[in-house]
N, C-alpha and C. Protein backbone atom coordinates (compact mmCIF):
# COMPACT_ATOMS: atom_id res chain seq x y z
N MET A 1 37.02 -30.34 -39.41
CA MET A 1 35.71 -30.18 -39.02
C MET A 1 36.09 -30.97 -37.80
N ALA A 2 35.47 -30.81 -36.59
CA ALA A 2 35.37 -31.68 -35.41
C ALA A 2 34.19 -31.56 -34.55
N GLU A 3 33.80 -32.40 -33.60
CA GLU A 3 32.88 -32.07 -32.74
C GLU A 3 33.16 -32.70 -31.77
N LEU A 4 32.57 -32.13 -30.47
CA LEU A 4 32.73 -32.71 -29.12
C LEU A 4 31.58 -33.18 -28.32
N GLN A 5 31.16 -34.41 -28.23
CA GLN A 5 29.97 -35.22 -27.36
C GLN A 5 30.46 -35.12 -26.08
N LEU A 6 29.67 -35.01 -24.97
CA LEU A 6 29.68 -35.21 -23.77
C LEU A 6 28.37 -35.65 -23.45
N LYS A 7 28.44 -36.90 -23.14
CA LYS A 7 27.05 -37.97 -22.32
C LYS A 7 26.72 -38.37 -21.20
N GLY A 8 26.23 -37.72 -20.35
CA GLY A 8 25.56 -38.06 -19.11
C GLY A 8 26.81 -37.84 -17.86
N VAL A 9 27.30 -36.87 -18.51
CA VAL A 9 28.54 -36.27 -17.43
C VAL A 9 28.15 -35.95 -15.68
N ARG A 10 28.72 -36.67 -14.76
CA ARG A 10 28.03 -36.03 -13.32
C ARG A 10 29.46 -35.66 -12.91
N LYS A 11 29.44 -35.15 -11.72
CA LYS A 11 30.50 -34.69 -10.96
C LYS A 11 29.87 -34.51 -9.44
N SER A 12 30.62 -35.10 -8.87
CA SER A 12 30.01 -35.30 -7.07
C SER A 12 30.98 -34.82 -6.29
N PHE A 13 31.43 -34.21 -5.11
CA PHE A 13 31.93 -33.79 -4.04
C PHE A 13 31.59 -34.79 -2.88
N GLN A 14 32.20 -35.97 -2.67
CA GLN A 14 31.71 -36.88 -0.93
C GLN A 14 30.15 -37.19 -1.91
N ASN A 15 29.35 -36.41 -0.93
CA ASN A 15 27.62 -37.07 -1.27
C ASN A 15 27.27 -36.06 -1.88
N PHE A 16 27.52 -34.85 -2.41
CA PHE A 16 27.15 -33.79 -2.73
C PHE A 16 27.35 -33.52 -4.85
N GLU A 17 26.59 -34.06 -5.24
CA GLU A 17 26.18 -34.04 -6.56
C GLU A 17 26.13 -32.41 -7.09
N VAL A 18 27.21 -32.23 -8.27
CA VAL A 18 27.25 -30.98 -8.34
C VAL A 18 27.00 -30.63 -10.06
N ILE A 19 26.87 -31.91 -10.54
CA ILE A 19 26.53 -31.70 -12.32
C ILE A 19 25.70 -32.91 -12.16
N HIS A 20 24.65 -32.82 -12.80
CA HIS A 20 23.43 -34.05 -12.64
C HIS A 20 23.04 -34.89 -14.25
N GLY A 21 24.48 -36.04 -14.75
CA GLY A 21 23.75 -36.48 -16.26
C GLY A 21 23.83 -35.56 -17.04
N VAL A 22 24.87 -34.41 -17.02
CA VAL A 22 24.96 -33.32 -18.67
C VAL A 22 25.04 -34.11 -19.95
N ASP A 23 24.31 -33.69 -20.95
CA ASP A 23 24.62 -34.11 -22.22
C ASP A 23 24.97 -32.86 -23.09
N LEU A 24 25.89 -32.70 -23.80
CA LEU A 24 26.42 -31.67 -24.47
C LEU A 24 27.29 -31.86 -25.88
N THR A 25 26.53 -31.05 -26.79
CA THR A 25 27.21 -31.19 -28.33
C THR A 25 28.04 -29.58 -28.64
N VAL A 26 29.28 -29.75 -28.50
CA VAL A 26 29.78 -28.47 -29.03
C VAL A 26 30.19 -28.77 -30.68
N GLU A 27 30.03 -28.00 -31.37
CA GLU A 27 30.06 -27.94 -32.81
C GLU A 27 31.41 -27.57 -33.31
N ASP A 28 31.70 -27.63 -34.51
CA ASP A 28 32.98 -27.13 -34.65
C ASP A 28 33.12 -25.63 -34.71
N GLY A 29 34.07 -25.11 -34.15
CA GLY A 29 34.28 -23.51 -34.35
C GLY A 29 33.46 -22.79 -33.30
N SER A 30 32.42 -23.19 -32.38
CA SER A 30 32.34 -22.64 -31.35
C SER A 30 33.03 -22.70 -30.01
N PHE A 31 32.50 -21.69 -29.29
CA PHE A 31 33.44 -21.87 -28.17
C PHE A 31 32.67 -22.15 -26.90
N THR A 32 32.63 -22.65 -25.91
CA THR A 32 32.16 -23.22 -24.63
C THR A 32 32.41 -23.06 -23.43
N VAL A 33 31.77 -22.25 -22.35
CA VAL A 33 32.73 -22.21 -21.24
C VAL A 33 31.93 -22.76 -20.16
N PHE A 34 31.94 -23.74 -19.06
CA PHE A 34 31.19 -23.96 -17.59
C PHE A 34 31.63 -22.86 -16.86
N VAL A 35 30.63 -22.41 -16.20
CA VAL A 35 30.82 -21.56 -15.11
C VAL A 35 29.96 -22.04 -14.24
N GLY A 36 30.30 -21.55 -12.71
CA GLY A 36 29.64 -21.65 -11.40
C GLY A 36 28.58 -20.67 -10.74
N PRO A 37 28.31 -20.62 -9.80
CA PRO A 37 27.10 -19.64 -9.75
C PRO A 37 27.91 -18.21 -9.31
N SER A 38 29.19 -18.21 -8.96
CA SER A 38 30.05 -17.05 -8.82
C SER A 38 30.55 -16.46 -10.25
N GLY A 39 30.06 -16.96 -11.59
CA GLY A 39 30.76 -16.61 -12.64
C GLY A 39 32.24 -17.30 -13.04
N CYS A 40 32.86 -18.23 -11.77
CA CYS A 40 34.48 -18.56 -12.10
C CYS A 40 33.96 -19.96 -13.06
N GLY A 41 34.83 -20.35 -13.65
CA GLY A 41 34.67 -21.89 -14.51
C GLY A 41 35.71 -22.62 -14.06
């Protein structure tokens, strides 16, 4: 059994912040994908 926890994740490109402090828990056996506006991840 495993679990992945991400807390306060941020990403920016120079002064443009694209991810604003995301908290995420991925439970064991689940499948999670981050995608952008165009649908590519």
